[in-house]
N, C-alpha and C. Protein backbone atom coordinates (compact mmCIF):
# COMPACT_ATOMS: atom_id res chain seq x y z
N MET A 1 38.59 -2.95 4.16
CA MET A 1 37.73 -4.39 4.00
C MET A 1 38.26 -4.87 2.64
N SER A 2 38.45 -6.12 2.79
CA SER A 2 38.80 -6.79 1.51
C SER A 2 37.65 -7.39 0.92
N SER A 3 37.69 -7.83 -0.34
CA SER A 3 36.37 -8.34 -0.98
C SER A 3 36.12 -9.76 -0.54
N SER A 4 36.86 -10.43 0.15
CA SER A 4 36.60 -11.75 0.47
C SER A 4 35.83 -11.65 1.96
N GLU A 5 35.60 -10.77 2.64
CA GLU A 5 35.14 -10.88 3.76
C GLU A 5 33.54 -10.85 3.69
N ILE A 6 32.93 -11.59 4.69
CA ILE A 6 31.53 -11.46 4.68
C ILE A 6 30.72 -10.79 5.78
N VAL A 7 30.13 -10.21 5.38
CA VAL A 7 29.24 -8.96 6.43
C VAL A 7 27.79 -9.56 6.42
N ARG A 8 27.50 -9.80 7.69
CA ARG A 8 26.08 -10.25 8.09
C ARG A 8 25.46 -9.25 8.83
N VAL A 9 24.04 -8.85 8.16
CA VAL A 9 23.38 -7.77 8.79
C VAL A 9 22.02 -8.45 9.42
N ALA A 10 21.75 -8.51 10.59
CA ALA A 10 20.52 -9.09 11.43
C ALA A 10 19.49 -8.15 11.59
N SER A 11 18.27 -8.31 11.33
CA SER A 11 17.17 -7.32 11.55
C SER A 11 15.96 -7.94 11.99
N TYR A 12 15.22 -7.57 12.98
CA TYR A 12 13.94 -8.22 13.49
C TYR A 12 12.82 -7.49 12.86
N ALA A 13 11.72 -8.01 12.52
CA ALA A 13 10.54 -7.35 12.00
C ALA A 13 9.93 -6.60 13.09
N PRO A 14 9.42 -5.28 13.04
CA PRO A 14 8.90 -4.59 14.05
C PRO A 14 7.62 -5.13 14.49
N SER A 15 7.31 -5.24 15.66
CA SER A 15 5.81 -5.62 16.09
C SER A 15 4.89 -4.76 16.17
N ALA A 16 3.97 -4.69 15.53
CA ALA A 16 2.89 -3.62 15.56
C ALA A 16 1.58 -4.49 15.49
N ARG A 17 0.57 -3.80 16.49
CA ARG A 17 -0.71 -4.31 16.42
C ARG A 17 -1.83 -3.68 15.40
N GLU A 18 -1.68 -2.53 15.26
CA GLU A 18 -2.31 -1.67 14.26
C GLU A 18 -1.45 -0.96 13.43
N VAL A 19 -1.54 -1.40 11.94
CA VAL A 19 -0.66 -0.81 11.14
C VAL A 19 -1.58 0.10 10.40
N ILE A 20 -0.97 1.34 9.93
CA ILE A 20 -1.61 2.39 9.20
C ILE A 20 -0.76 2.72 7.86
N LEU A 21 -1.38 2.53 6.90
CA LEU A 21 -0.78 2.90 5.66
C LEU A 21 -1.39 4.37 5.04
N VAL A 22 -0.47 5.12 4.77
CA VAL A 22 -0.85 6.30 4.39
C VAL A 22 -0.24 6.48 2.81
N ALA A 23 -1.27 6.66 1.94
CA ALA A 23 -0.78 6.68 0.36
C ALA A 23 -1.36 8.01 -0.29
N GLY A 24 -0.28 8.75 -0.80
CA GLY A 24 -0.82 9.91 -1.38
C GLY A 24 -0.41 9.76 -2.96
N PHE A 25 -1.08 9.65 -3.93
CA PHE A 25 -0.90 9.52 -5.33
C PHE A 25 -0.93 11.00 -6.10
N PRO A 26 0.10 11.15 -6.98
CA PRO A 26 0.34 12.35 -7.33
C PRO A 26 -0.85 12.69 -8.42
N GLY A 27 -1.32 13.78 -8.14
CA GLY A 27 -2.38 14.14 -8.97
C GLY A 27 -2.09 15.59 -9.61
N SER A 28 -3.06 16.27 -9.67
CA SER A 28 -2.61 17.78 -10.14
C SER A 28 -1.75 18.67 -9.37
N GLY A 29 -0.58 18.83 -9.80
CA GLY A 29 0.30 19.56 -9.00
C GLY A 29 1.01 18.88 -7.89
N LEU A 30 0.97 17.50 -7.97
CA LEU A 30 1.45 16.57 -6.88
C LEU A 30 0.95 16.88 -5.57
N VAL A 31 -0.23 17.17 -5.57
CA VAL A 31 -0.86 17.51 -4.18
C VAL A 31 -0.88 16.40 -3.18
N GLY A 32 -1.05 15.07 -3.50
CA GLY A 32 -1.12 14.00 -2.75
C GLY A 32 0.39 13.68 -2.15
N SER A 33 1.34 13.65 -2.93
CA SER A 33 2.50 13.51 -2.33
C SER A 33 2.94 14.58 -1.44
N ILE A 34 2.75 15.82 -1.77
CA ILE A 34 2.87 16.83 -0.65
C ILE A 34 2.27 16.82 0.49
N ALA A 35 1.17 16.41 0.44
CA ALA A 35 0.31 16.13 1.68
C ALA A 35 0.73 14.95 2.51
N VAL A 36 1.07 13.86 1.77
CA VAL A 36 1.69 12.85 2.60
C VAL A 36 3.07 13.09 3.32
N ASN A 37 3.66 13.79 2.55
CA ASN A 37 5.08 14.32 3.17
C ASN A 37 4.81 15.09 4.32
N TYR A 38 3.87 16.10 4.30
CA TYR A 38 3.54 16.85 5.43
C TYR A 38 3.10 16.02 6.62
N LEU A 39 2.13 15.10 6.40
CA LEU A 39 1.46 14.06 7.60
C LEU A 39 2.81 13.45 8.25
N THR A 40 3.60 12.93 7.48
CA THR A 40 4.64 12.15 7.84
C THR A 40 5.85 13.05 8.57
């Protein structure tokens, strides 16, 4: 692919009625990060 070519990427936003945010902040020993990693 040469540097003069244009590449377009189209994406649609996912539709969700209920959005859940899981946040784990690093504390003592990174427990929050490890717990969120396990949940996801």
